[in-house]
Amino acid sequence: SPYTLSLHDALPIYDPSYTLGSQVEDETEQERLSRMLEQQKGHCVFDRTEISTTIAQLVDKTLQKRIFDQYISNFALHFPFVVFHPSTTASHIRSSKPLLFLAILSSASSGIVSSSLQAVITQKLITAFAKSVFVNGEKSLEMVQSLLVACLWFRAPKHHLQANLAQLVQTAVLMARDIGLDGAQVPVMNENGRRAGDLERMAASVEGRRTWVGCYILSAR
Protein backbone atom coordinates (compact mmCIF):
# COMPACT_ATOMS: atom_id res chain seq x y z
CA SER A 1 0.00 0.00 0.00
CA PRO A 2 1.39 3.48 -0.81
CA TYR A 3 0.36 4.67 2.64
CA THR A 4 2.31 2.08 4.62
CA LEU A 5 5.68 2.89 6.18
CA SER A 6 8.09 1.33 8.59
CA LEU A 7 9.09 2.95 11.87
CA HIS A 8 12.54 3.61 10.42
CA ASP A 9 11.01 5.58 7.57
CA ALA A 10 8.69 7.59 9.76
CA LEU A 11 10.94 10.65 10.15
CA PRO A 12 12.65 11.46 6.84
CA ILE A 13 15.83 13.51 6.64
CA TYR A 14 14.88 17.15 6.15
CA ASP A 15 16.99 19.90 4.62
CA PRO A 16 16.25 23.16 6.47
CA SER A 17 17.44 25.12 3.42
CA TYR A 18 14.44 23.81 1.49
CA THR A 19 11.32 25.81 2.30
CA LEU A 20 7.70 25.32 1.40
CA GLY A 21 7.20 28.87 0.21
CA SER A 22 6.96 31.37 3.04
CA GLN A 23 7.20 29.70 6.44
CA VAL A 24 4.43 31.82 7.88
CA GLU A 25 1.19 32.86 6.30
CA ASP A 26 0.27 36.48 5.87
CA GLU A 27 -2.47 37.87 8.06
CA THR A 28 -4.99 38.03 5.25
CA GLU A 29 -4.70 34.28 4.71
CA GLN A 30 -4.93 33.62 8.44
CA GLU A 31 -8.02 35.78 8.80
CA ARG A 32 -9.68 34.10 5.82
CA LEU A 33 -9.05 30.65 7.32
CA SER A 34 -10.47 31.80 10.65
CA ARG A 35 -13.63 32.96 8.90
CA MET A 36 -14.01 29.64 7.09
CA LEU A 37 -13.52 27.73 10.34
CA GLU A 38 -16.28 29.76 11.92
CA GLN A 39 -18.55 28.95 8.99
CA GLN A 40 -17.62 25.28 9.29
CA LYS A 41 -18.87 25.28 12.86
CA GLY A 42 -22.34 25.99 11.56
CA HIS A 43 -22.29 22.70 9.64
CA CYS A 44 -20.60 20.32 12.03
CA VAL A 45 -19.51 21.12 15.59
CA PHE A 46 -16.95 18.96 17.37
CA ASP A 47 -17.20 19.21 21.15
CA ARG A 48 -13.77 19.96 22.60
CA THR A 49 -14.91 20.64 26.17
CA GLU A 50 -13.37 17.44 27.54
CA ILE A 51 -10.04 18.12 25.81
CA SER A 52 -9.93 21.72 27.07
CA THR A 53 -10.62 20.49 30.60
CA THR A 54 -7.88 17.87 30.31
CA ILE A 55 -5.35 20.49 29.21
CA ALA A 56 -6.25 22.79 32.11
CA GLN A 57 -5.95 19.93 34.61
CA LEU A 58 -2.58 18.68 33.38
CA VAL A 59 -0.55 21.78 32.55
CA ASP A 60 -0.80 25.31 33.93
CA LYS A 61 -0.96 28.24 31.50
CA THR A 62 2.63 29.35 32.13
CA LEU A 63 3.99 25.96 31.11
CA GLN A 64 1.54 25.78 28.21
CA LYS A 65 3.03 28.99 26.82
CA ARG A 66 6.60 27.71 27.27
CA ILE A 67 5.79 24.49 25.44
CA PHE A 68 4.01 26.34 22.64
CA ASP A 69 6.96 28.75 22.26
CA GLN A 70 9.36 25.79 22.15
CA TYR A 71 7.24 24.19 19.42
CA ILE A 72 7.40 27.39 17.35
CA SER A 73 11.14 27.97 17.77
CA ASN A 74 12.56 24.43 17.86
CA PHE A 75 10.08 22.05 16.26
CA ALA A 76 8.08 23.77 13.50
CA LEU A 77 11.31 25.36 12.29
CA HIS A 78 12.55 21.99 11.01
CA PHE A 79 9.24 20.52 9.84
CA PRO A 80 7.13 23.55 8.84
CA PHE A 81 3.91 21.70 8.07
CA VAL A 82 1.82 23.09 10.93
CA VAL A 83 2.88 26.68 11.51
CA PHE A 84 1.30 29.84 12.86
CA HIS A 85 1.48 33.56 12.21
CA PRO A 86 4.07 35.25 14.51
CA SER A 87 1.28 37.06 16.36
CA THR A 88 -0.51 33.81 17.23
CA THR A 89 -0.61 33.10 20.97
CA ALA A 90 -0.81 29.87 22.91
CA SER A 91 -4.15 30.89 24.38
CA HIS A 92 -5.61 31.45 20.91
CA ILE A 93 -4.67 27.96 19.68
CA ARG A 94 -5.77 26.43 22.99
CA SER A 95 -9.25 27.94 22.60
CA SER A 96 -9.66 27.61 18.80
CA LYS A 97 -7.94 24.23 18.23
CA PRO A 98 -7.72 22.37 21.56
CA LEU A 99 -6.91 19.00 20.02
CA LEU A 100 -4.01 20.46 18.01
CA PHE A 101 -2.83 22.26 21.14
CA LEU A 102 -2.87 18.97 23.08
CA ALA A 103 -0.78 17.38 20.30
CA ILE A 104 1.72 20.23 20.58
CA LEU A 105 1.87 19.80 24.37
CA SER A 106 2.58 16.09 23.88
CA SER A 107 5.24 16.57 21.23
CA ALA A 108 7.12 19.67 22.41
CA SER A 109 7.08 19.33 26.19
CA SER A 110 10.49 17.66 26.48
CA GLY A 111 12.70 19.48 28.98
CA ILE A 112 9.80 21.53 30.33
CA VAL A 113 7.68 18.97 32.18
CA SER A 114 8.62 15.65 33.76
CA SER A 115 8.79 12.47 31.70
CA SER A 116 5.93 11.02 33.72
CA LEU A 117 3.70 13.99 32.87
CA GLN A 118 4.75 13.74 29.21
CA ALA A 119 3.55 10.12 29.25
CA VAL A 120 0.20 11.14 30.74
CA ILE A 121 -0.28 13.91 28.14
CA THR A 122 0.53 11.49 25.34
CA GLN A 123 -1.91 8.91 26.66
CA LYS A 124 -4.64 11.56 26.87
CA LEU A 125 -3.88 12.55 23.27
CA ILE A 126 -4.13 8.96 22.01
CA THR A 127 -7.43 8.58 23.87
CA ALA A 128 -8.71 11.81 22.30
CA PHE A 129 -7.75 10.53 18.84
CA ALA A 130 -9.58 7.25 19.42
CA LYS A 131 -12.74 8.94 20.65
CA SER A 132 -12.77 11.65 17.97
CA VAL A 133 -11.98 9.42 14.99
CA PHE A 134 -13.43 6.01 15.79
CA VAL A 135 -16.30 6.94 18.13
CA ASN A 136 -17.41 10.33 16.79
CA GLY A 137 -16.28 9.79 13.19
CA GLU A 138 -14.62 13.19 13.00
CA LYS A 139 -12.91 14.34 9.81
CA SER A 140 -11.42 17.82 9.96
CA LEU A 141 -8.34 19.85 9.14
CA GLU A 142 -7.59 20.22 12.85
CA MET A 143 -7.68 16.45 13.28
CA VAL A 144 -5.26 15.89 10.40
CA GLN A 145 -2.91 18.58 11.73
CA SER A 146 -3.05 17.06 15.21
CA LEU A 147 -2.22 13.60 13.86
CA LEU A 148 0.58 15.11 11.80
CA VAL A 149 2.20 16.81 14.80
CA ALA A 150 1.85 13.65 16.88
CA CYS A 151 3.45 11.52 14.15
CA LEU A 152 6.31 13.89 13.33
CA TRP A 153 7.47 13.82 16.95
CA PHE A 154 6.04 10.49 17.95
CA ARG A 155 6.30 9.65 21.62
CA ALA A 156 5.38 6.02 22.23
CA PRO A 157 3.17 5.44 25.29
CA LYS A 158 4.45 3.24 28.11
CA HIS A 159 2.36 0.38 26.76
CA HIS A 160 3.48 0.82 23.16
CA LEU A 161 0.90 -1.52 21.67
CA GLN A 162 -1.76 1.08 22.45
CA ALA A 163 -0.47 3.38 19.71
CA ASN A 164 1.05 2.30 16.42
CA LEU A 165 2.86 5.02 14.47
CA ALA A 166 2.09 3.53 11.06
CA GLN A 167 -1.60 3.35 11.95
CA LEU A 168 -1.64 7.02 12.98
CA VAL A 169 0.10 8.02 9.75
CA GLN A 170 -2.37 6.04 7.65
CA THR A 171 -5.27 7.64 9.51
CA ALA A 172 -3.89 11.13 8.84
CA VAL A 173 -3.30 10.46 5.13
CA LEU A 174 -6.65 8.83 4.47
CA MET A 175 -8.52 11.53 6.36
CA ALA A 176 -6.62 14.22 4.47
CA ARG A 177 -7.77 12.62 1.23
CA ASP A 178 -11.33 12.34 2.50
CA ILE A 179 -11.55 16.09 3.14
CA GLY A 180 -9.92 16.88 -0.20
CA LEU A 181 -6.43 18.00 0.85
CA ASP A 182 -4.91 15.91 -1.96
CA GLY A 183 -6.39 18.28 -4.51
CA ALA A 184 -8.65 15.64 -6.01
CA GLN A 185 -11.68 17.81 -5.22
CA VAL A 186 -13.48 15.06 -3.35
CA PRO A 187 -17.00 16.35 -2.66
CA VAL A 188 -17.08 17.20 1.03
CA MET A 189 -20.59 17.00 2.49
CA ASN A 190 -21.86 18.66 5.61
CA GLU A 191 -24.38 17.04 7.92
CA ASN A 192 -27.25 18.33 5.74
CA GLY A 193 -25.87 16.55 2.67
CA ARG A 194 -24.85 19.78 0.96
CA ARG A 195 -21.45 20.43 -0.55
CA ALA A 196 -19.28 22.27 1.97
CA GLY A 197 -17.58 24.70 -0.40
CA ASP A 198 -15.64 26.53 2.31
CA LEU A 199 -13.91 23.31 3.32
CA GLU A 200 -12.87 22.69 -0.27
CA ARG A 201 -11.41 26.18 -0.48
CA MET A 202 -9.62 25.50 2.78
CA ALA A 203 -7.98 22.47 1.17
CA ALA A 204 -6.53 24.77 -1.48
CA SER A 205 -5.23 27.23 1.13
CA VAL A 206 -1.62 27.51 2.26
CA GLU A 207 -2.55 25.80 5.54
CA GLY A 208 -4.24 22.93 3.74
CA ARG A 209 -1.38 22.46 1.29
CA ARG A 210 1.23 22.45 4.05
CA THR A 211 -0.77 19.79 5.87
CA TRP A 212 -1.00 17.62 2.75
CA VAL A 213 2.75 17.91 2.06
CA GLY A 214 3.39 16.85 5.66
CA CYS A 215 1.20 13.78 5.15
CA TYR A 216 3.07 12.98 1.94
CA ILE A 217 6.47 13.22 3.64
CA LEU A 218 5.37 10.97 6.50
CA SER A 219 3.91 8.32 4.22
CA ALA A 220 6.86 8.28 1.77
CA ARG A 221 9.13 5.27 1.90
C-alpha atoms as a PDB file:
ATOM      1  CA  SER A   1       0.000   0.000   0.000  1.00  0.00           C
ATOM      2  CA  PRO A   2       1.393   3.479  -0.811  1.00  0.00           C
ATOM      3  CA  TYR A   3       0.359   4.667   2.637  1.00  0.00           C
ATOM      4  CA  THR A   4       2.312   2.085   4.619  1.00  0.00           C
ATOM      5  CA  LEU A   5       5.678   2.885   6.176  1.00  0.00           C
ATOM      6  CA  SER A   6       8.094   1.333   8.595  1.00  0.00           C
ATOM      7  CA  LEU A   7       9.087   2.952  11.870  1.00  0.00           C
ATOM      8  CA  HIS A   8      12.539   3.609  10.425  1.00  0.00           C
ATOM      9  CA  ASP A   9      11.009   5.576   7.571  1.00  0.00           C
ATOM     10  CA  ALA A  10       8.685   7.595   9.757  1.00  0.00           C
ATOM     11  CA  LEU A  11      10.936  10.649  10.154  1.00  0.00           C
ATOM     12  CA  PRO A  12      12.653  11.455   6.843  1.00  0.00           C
ATOM     13  CA  ILE A  13      15.829  13.514   6.643  1.00  0.00           C
ATOM     14  CA  TYR A  14      14.877  17.150   6.152  1.00  0.00           C
ATOM     15  CA  ASP A  15      16.990  19.897   4.620  1.00  0.00           C
ATOM     16  CA  PRO A  16      16.248  23.165   6.471  1.00  0.00           C
ATOM     17  CA  SER A  17      17.443  25.123   3.415  1.00  0.00           C
ATOM     18  CA  TYR A  18      14.441  23.810   1.487  1.00  0.00           C
ATOM     19  CA  THR A  19      11.322  25.806   2.305  1.00  0.00           C
ATOM     20  CA  LEU A  20       7.699  25.320   1.398  1.00  0.00           C
ATOM     21  CA  GLY A  21       7.196  28.869   0.214  1.00  0.00           C
ATOM     22  CA  SER A  22       6.964  31.375   3.035  1.00  0.00           C
ATOM     23  CA  GLN A  23       7.199  29.697   6.437  1.00  0.00           C
ATOM     24  CA  VAL A  24       4.427  31.820   7.877  1.00  0.00           C
ATOM     25  CA  GLU A  25       1.186  32.856   6.298  1.00  0.00           C
ATOM     26  CA  ASP A  26       0.268  36.482   5.871  1.00  0.00           C
ATOM     27  CA  GLU A  27      -2.466  37.866   8.060  1.00  0.00           C
ATOM     28  CA  THR A  28      -4.991  38.027   5.253  1.00  0.00           C
ATOM     29  CA  GLU A  29      -4.698  34.282   4.710  1.00  0.00           C
ATOM     30  CA  GLN A  30      -4.935  33.621   8.440  1.00  0.00           C
ATOM     31  CA  GLU A  31      -8.022  35.783   8.799  1.00  0.00           C
ATOM     32  CA  ARG A  32      -9.677  34.095   5.820  1.00  0.00           C
ATOM     33  CA  LEU A  33      -9.053  30.653   7.316  1.00  0.00           C
ATOM     34  CA  SER A  34     -10.471  31.795  10.648  1.00  0.00           C
ATOM     35  CA  ARG A  35     -13.626  32.958   8.904  1.00  0.00           C
ATOM     36  CA  MET A  36     -14.007  29.640   7.094  1.00  0.00           C
ATOM     37  CA  LEU A  37     -13.515  27.732  10.340  1.00  0.00           C
ATOM     38  CA  GLU A  38     -16.283  29.762  11.923  1.00  0.00           C
ATOM     39  CA  GLN A  39     -18.547  28.951   8.995  1.00  0.00           C
ATOM     40  CA  GLN A  40     -17.623  25.275   9.287  1.00  0.00           C
ATOM     41  CA  LYS A  41     -18.875  25.277  12.857  1.00  0.00           C
ATOM     42  CA  GLY A  42     -22.341  25.993  11.558  1.00  0.00           C
ATOM     43  CA  HIS A  43     -22.294  22.699   9.644  1.00  0.00           C
ATOM     44  CA  CYS A  44     -20.596  20.319  12.029  1.00  0.00           C
ATOM     45  CA  VAL A  45     -19.514  21.123  15.594  1.00  0.00           C
ATOM     46  CA  PHE A  46     -16.950  18.959  17.373  1.00  0.00           C
ATOM     47  CA  ASP A  47     -17.199  19.208  21.146  1.00  0.00           C
ATOM     48  CA  ARG A  48     -13.766  19.956  22.598  1.00  0.00           C
ATOM     49  CA  THR A  49     -14.911  20.638  26.169  1.00  0.00           C
ATOM     50  CA  GLU A  50     -13.375  17.443  27.542  1.00  0.00           C
ATOM     51  CA  ILE A  51     -10.042  18.121  25.811  1.00  0.00           C
ATOM     52  CA  SER A  52      -9.925  21.719  27.072  1.00  0.00           C
ATOM     53  CA  THR A  53     -10.625  20.486  30.596  1.00  0.00           C
ATOM     54  CA  THR A  54      -7.879  17.867  30.312  1.00  0.00           C
ATOM     55  CA  ILE A  55      -5.350  20.490  29.208  1.00  0.00           C
ATOM     56  CA  ALA A  56      -6.251  22.788  32.112  1.00  0.00           C
ATOM     57  CA  GLN A  57      -5.947  19.930  34.614  1.00  0.00           C
ATOM     58  CA  LEU A  58      -2.581  18.677  33.382  1.00  0.00           C
ATOM     59  CA  VAL A  59      -0.548  21.780  32.550  1.00  0.00           C
ATOM     60  CA  ASP A  60      -0.802  25.313  33.926  1.00  0.00           C
ATOM     61  CA  LYS A  61      -0.956  28.242  31.500  1.00  0.00           C
ATOM     62  CA  THR A  62       2.631  29.354  32.127  1.00  0.00           C
ATOM     63  CA  LEU A  63       3.993  25.958  31.108  1.00  0.00           C
ATOM     64  CA  GLN A  64       1.543  25.781  28.212  1.00  0.00           C
ATOM     65  CA  LYS A  65       3.025  28.991  26.820  1.00  0.00           C
ATOM     66  CA  ARG A  66       6.598  27.713  27.275  1.00  0.00           C
ATOM     67  CA  ILE A  67       5.791  24.491  25.443  1.00  0.00           C
ATOM     68  CA  PHE A  68       4.007  26.342  22.641  1.00  0.00           C
ATOM     69  CA  ASP A  69       6.959  28.755  22.262  1.00  0.00           C
ATOM     70  CA  GLN A  70       9.356  25.792  22.150  1.00  0.00           C
ATOM     71  CA  TYR A  71       7.245  24.186  19.417  1.00  0.00           C
ATOM     72  CA  ILE A  72       7.398  27.385  17.353  1.00  0.00           C
ATOM     73  CA  SER A  73      11.136  27.972  17.774  1.00  0.00           C
ATOM     74  CA  ASN A  74      12.565  24.431  17.858  1.00  0.00           C
ATOM     75  CA  PHE A  75      10.085  22.054  16.257  1.00  0.00           C
ATOM     76  CA  ALA A  76       8.084  23.766  13.500  1.00  0.00           C
ATOM     77  CA  LEU A  77      11.311  25.363  12.291  1.00  0.00           C
ATOM     78  CA  HIS A  78      12.552  21.990  11.010  1.00  0.00           C
ATOM     79  CA  PHE A  79       9.242  20.522   9.837  1.00  0.00           C
ATOM     80  CA  PRO A  80       7.127  23.553   8.845  1.00  0.00           C
ATOM     81  CA  PHE A  81       3.911  21.698   8.068  1.00  0.00           C
ATOM     82  CA  VAL A  82       1.823  23.087  10.931  1.00  0.00           C
ATOM     83  CA  VAL A  83       2.884  26.680  11.512  1.00  0.00           C
ATOM     84  CA  PHE A  84       1.295  29.841  12.856  1.00  0.00           C
ATOM     85  CA  HIS A  85       1.480  33.560  12.215  1.00  0.00           C
ATOM     86  CA  PRO A  86       4.073  35.251  14.506  1.00  0.00           C
ATOM     87  CA  SER A  87       1.283  37.063  16.362  1.00  0.00           C
ATOM     88  CA  THR A  88      -0.512  33.806  17.234  1.00  0.00           C
ATOM     89  CA  THR A  89      -0.606  33.104  20.970  1.00  0.00           C
ATOM     90  CA  ALA A  90      -0.810  29.865  22.912  1.00  0.00           C
ATOM     91  CA  SER A  91      -4.146  30.891  24.384  1.00  0.00           C
ATOM     92  CA  HIS A  92      -5.606  31.453  20.906  1.00  0.00           C
ATOM     93  CA  ILE A  93      -4.672  27.955  19.683  1.00  0.00           C
ATOM     94  CA  ARG A  94      -5.774  26.430  22.993  1.00  0.00           C
ATOM     95  CA  SER A  95      -9.247  27.938  22.600  1.00  0.00           C
ATOM     96  CA  SER A  96      -9.660  27.612  18.804  1.00  0.00           C
ATOM     97  CA  LYS A  97      -7.943  24.229  18.227  1.00  0.00           C
ATOM     98  CA  PRO A  98      -7.724  22.369  21.562  1.00  0.00           C
ATOM     99  CA  LEU A  99      -6.906  18.996  20.017  1.00  0.00           C
ATOM    100  CA  LEU A 100      -4.015  20.458  18.013  1.00  0.00           C
ATOM    101  CA  PHE A 101      -2.831  22.260  21.139  1.00  0.00           C
ATOM    102  CA  LEU A 102      -2.873  18.974  23.075  1.00  0.00           C
ATOM    103  CA  ALA A 103      -0.783  17.380  20.299  1.00  0.00           C
ATOM    104  CA  ILE A 104       1.717  20.232  20.584  1.00  0.00           C
ATOM    105  CA  LEU A 105       1.874  19.802  24.373  1.00  0.00           C
ATOM    106  CA  SER A 106       2.576  16.095  23.876  1.00  0.00           C
ATOM    107  CA  SER A 107       5.245  16.568  21.229  1.00  0.00           C
ATOM    108  CA  ALA A 108       7.116  19.673  22.412  1.00  0.00           C
ATOM    109  CA  SER A 109       7.080  19.327  26.192  1.00  0.00           C
ATOM    110  CA  SER A 110      10.489  17.661  26.479  1.00  0.00           C
ATOM    111  CA  GLY A 111      12.705  19.479  28.979  1.00  0.00           C
ATOM    112  CA  ILE A 112       9.802  21.528  30.330  1.00  0.00           C
ATOM    113  CA  VAL A 113       7.678  18.966  32.181  1.00  0.00           C
ATOM    114  CA  SER A 114       8.621  15.648  33.756  1.00  0.00           C
ATOM    115  CA  SER A 115       8.795  12.473  31.700  1.00  0.00           C
ATOM    116  CA  SER A 116       5.932  11.015  33.723  1.00  0.00           C
ATOM    117  CA  LEU A 117       3.699  13.990  32.867  1.00  0.00           C
ATOM    118  CA  GLN A 118       4.751  13.741  29.213  1.00  0.00           C
ATOM    119  CA  ALA A 119       3.549  10.122  29.246  1.00  0.00           C
ATOM    120  CA  VAL A 120       0.198  11.145  30.736  1.00  0.00           C
ATOM    121  CA  ILE A 121      -0.282  13.912  28.145  1.00  0.00           C
ATOM    122  CA  THR A 122       0.532  11.491  25.341  1.00  0.00           C
ATOM    123  CA  GLN A 123      -1.907   8.910  26.664  1.00  0.00           C
ATOM    124  CA  LYS A 124      -4.635  11.561  26.869  1.00  0.00           C
ATOM    125  CA  LEU A 125      -3.881  12.547  23.271  1.00  0.00           C
ATOM    126  CA  ILE A 126      -4.134   8.956  22.008  1.00  0.00           C
ATOM    127  CA  THR A 127      -7.430   8.583  23.873  1.00  0.00           C
ATOM    128  CA  ALA A 128      -8.715  11.806  22.303  1.00  0.00           C
ATOM    129  CA  PHE A 129      -7.748  10.526  18.842  1.00  0.00           C
ATOM    130  CA  ALA A 130      -9.578   7.248  19.420  1.00  0.00           C
ATOM    131  CA  LYS A 131     -12.743   8.935  20.651  1.00  0.00           C
ATOM    132  CA  SER A 132     -12.771  11.651  17.974  1.00  0.00           C
ATOM    133  CA  VAL A 133     -11.979   9.422  14.985  1.00  0.00           C
ATOM    134  CA  PHE A 134     -13.432   6.013  15.791  1.00  0.00           C
ATOM    135  CA  VAL A 135     -16.304   6.936  18.125  1.00  0.00           C
ATOM    136  CA  ASN A 136     -17.413  10.332  16.791  1.00  0.00           C
ATOM    137  CA  GLY A 137     -16.275   9.792  13.194  1.00  0.00           C
ATOM    138  CA  GLU A 138     -14.617  13.186  13.004  1.00  0.00           C
ATOM    139  CA  LYS A 139     -12.907  14.343   9.814  1.00  0.00           C
ATOM    140  CA  SER A 140     -11.424  17.816   9.961  1.00  0.00           C
ATOM    141  CA  LEU A 141      -8.338  19.849   9.144  1.00  0.00           C
ATOM    142  CA  GLU A 142      -7.592  20.223  12.848  1.00  0.00           C
ATOM    143  CA  MET A 143      -7.683  16.451  13.279  1.00  0.00           C
ATOM    144  CA  VAL A 144      -5.259  15.887  10.395  1.00  0.00           C
ATOM    145  CA  GLN A 145      -2.913  18.580  11.731  1.00  0.00           C
ATOM    146  CA  SER A 146      -3.051  17.055  15.212  1.00  0.00           C
ATOM    147  CA  LEU A 147      -2.225  13.601  13.864  1.00  0.00           C
ATOM    148  CA  LEU A 148       0.581  15.111  11.800  1.00  0.00           C
ATOM    149  CA  VAL A 149       2.197  16.814  14.799  1.00  0.00           C
ATOM    150  CA  ALA A 150       1.853  13.652  16.881  1.00  0.00           C
ATOM    151  CA  CYS A 151       3.446  11.519  14.155  1.00  0.00           C
ATOM    152  CA  LEU A 152       6.307  13.891  13.333  1.00  0.00           C
ATOM    153  CA  TRP A 153       7.474  13.819  16.952  1.00  0.00           C
ATOM    154  CA  PHE A 154       6.037  10.486  17.946  1.00  0.00           C
ATOM    155  CA  ARG A 155       6.303   9.648  21.620  1.00  0.00           C
ATOM    156  CA  ALA A 156       5.375   6.016  22.226  1.00  0.00           C
ATOM    157  CA  PRO A 157       3.168   5.438  25.286  1.00  0.00           C
ATOM    158  CA  LYS A 158       4.454   3.242  28.105  1.00  0.00           C
ATOM    159  CA  HIS A 159       2.360   0.378  26.760  1.00  0.00           C
ATOM    160  CA  HIS A 160       3.484   0.823  23.161  1.00  0.00           C
ATOM    161  CA  LEU A 161       0.898  -1.515  21.674  1.00  0.00           C
ATOM    162  CA  GLN A 162      -1.759   1.081  22.452  1.00  0.00           C
ATOM    163  CA  ALA A 163      -0.468   3.375  19.714  1.00  0.00           C
ATOM    164  CA  ASN A 164       1.052   2.302  16.422  1.00  0.00           C
ATOM    165  CA  LEU A 165       2.862   5.017  14.468  1.00  0.00           C
ATOM    166  CA  ALA A 166       2.089   3.525  11.063  1.00  0.00           C
ATOM    167  CA  GLN A 167      -1.605   3.354  11.946  1.00  0.00           C
ATOM    168  CA  LEU A 168      -1.639   7.020  12.981  1.00  0.00           C
ATOM    169  CA  VAL A 169       0.101   8.020   9.754  1.00  0.00           C
ATOM    170  CA  GLN A 170      -2.373   6.040   7.647  1.00  0.00           C
ATOM    171  CA  THR A 171      -5.273   7.637   9.507  1.00  0.00           C
ATOM    172  CA  ALA A 172      -3.890  11.128   8.841  1.00  0.00           C
ATOM    173  CA  VAL A 173      -3.301  10.465   5.126  1.00  0.00           C
ATOM    174  CA  LEU A 174      -6.647   8.833   4.469  1.00  0.00           C
ATOM    175  CA  MET A 175      -8.520  11.528   6.365  1.00  0.00           C
ATOM    176  CA  ALA A 176      -6.615  14.225   4.473  1.00  0.00           C
ATOM    177  CA  ARG A 177      -7.766  12.621   1.225  1.00  0.00           C
ATOM    178  CA  ASP A 178     -11.331  12.337   2.501  1.00  0.00           C
ATOM    179  CA  ILE A 179     -11.552  16.090   3.137  1.00  0.00           C
ATOM    180  CA  GLY A 180      -9.923  16.880  -0.198  1.00  0.00           C
ATOM    181  CA  LEU A 181      -6.433  17.996   0.846  1.00  0.00           C
ATOM    182  CA  ASP A 182      -4.905  15.915  -1.959  1.00  0.00           C
ATOM    183  CA  GLY A 183      -6.394  18.284  -4.508  1.00  0.00           C
ATOM    184  CA  ALA A 184      -8.650  15.638  -6.005  1.00  0.00           C
ATOM    185  CA  GLN A 185     -11.680  17.809  -5.224  1.00  0.00           C
ATOM    186  CA  VAL A 186     -13.479  15.065  -3.354  1.00  0.00           C
ATOM    187  CA  PRO A 187     -17.002  16.350  -2.660  1.00  0.00           C
ATOM    188  CA  VAL A 188     -17.082  17.204   1.028  1.00  0.00           C
ATOM    189  CA  MET A 189     -20.585  17.001   2.486  1.00  0.00           C
ATOM    190  CA  ASN A 190     -21.857  18.660   5.609  1.00  0.00           C
ATOM    191  CA  GLU A 191     -24.383  17.044   7.924  1.00  0.00           C
ATOM    192  CA  ASN A 192     -27.251  18.326   5.740  1.00  0.00           C
ATOM    193  CA  GLY A 193     -25.871  16.545   2.674  1.00  0.00           C
ATOM    194  CA  ARG A 194     -24.846  19.775   0.963  1.00  0.00           C
ATOM    195  CA  ARG A 195     -21.451  20.433  -0.547  1.00  0.00           C
ATOM    196  CA  ALA A 196     -19.282  22.272   1.965  1.00  0.00           C
ATOM    197  CA  GLY A 197     -17.583  24.702  -0.403  1.00  0.00           C
ATOM    198  CA  ASP A 198     -15.642  26.526   2.314  1.00  0.00           C
ATOM    199  CA  LEU A 199     -13.910  23.306   3.319  1.00  0.00           C
ATOM    200  CA  GLU A 200     -12.865  22.694  -0.272  1.00  0.00           C
ATOM    201  CA  ARG A 201     -11.408  26.178  -0.485  1.00  0.00           C
ATOM    202  CA  MET A 202      -9.616  25.497   2.783  1.00  0.00           C
ATOM    203  CA  ALA A 203      -7.976  22.466   1.173  1.00  0.00           C
ATOM    204  CA  ALA A 204      -6.525  24.765  -1.482  1.00  0.00           C
ATOM    205  CA  SER A 205      -5.231  27.230   1.128  1.00  0.00           C
ATOM    206  CA  VAL A 206      -1.615  27.514   2.256  1.00  0.00           C
ATOM    207  CA  GLU A 207      -2.553  25.802   5.542  1.00  0.00           C
ATOM    208  CA  GLY A 208      -4.243  22.925   3.744  1.00  0.00           C
ATOM    209  CA  ARG A 209      -1.380  22.462   1.294  1.00  0.00           C
ATOM    210  CA  ARG A 210       1.229  22.451   4.047  1.00  0.00           C
ATOM    211  CA  THR A 211      -0.768  19.793   5.866  1.00  0.00           C
ATOM    212  CA  TRP A 212      -0.999  17.622   2.752  1.00  0.00           C
ATOM    213  CA  VAL A 213       2.755  17.905   2.059  1.00  0.00           C
ATOM    214  CA  GLY A 214       3.394  16.853   5.660  1.00  0.00           C
ATOM    215  CA  CYS A 215       1.195  13.779   5.148  1.00  0.00           C
ATOM    216  CA  TYR A 216       3.066  12.984   1.937  1.00  0.00           C
ATOM    217  CA  ILE A 217       6.467  13.221   3.638  1.00  0.00           C
ATOM    218  CA  LEU A 218       5.367  10.974   6.499  1.00  0.00           C
ATOM    219  CA  SER A 219       3.913   8.321   4.220  1.00  0.00           C
ATOM    220  CA  ALA A 220       6.855   8.277   1.773  1.00  0.00           C
ATOM    221  CA  ARG A 221       9.135   5.268   1.898  1.00  0.00           C
END
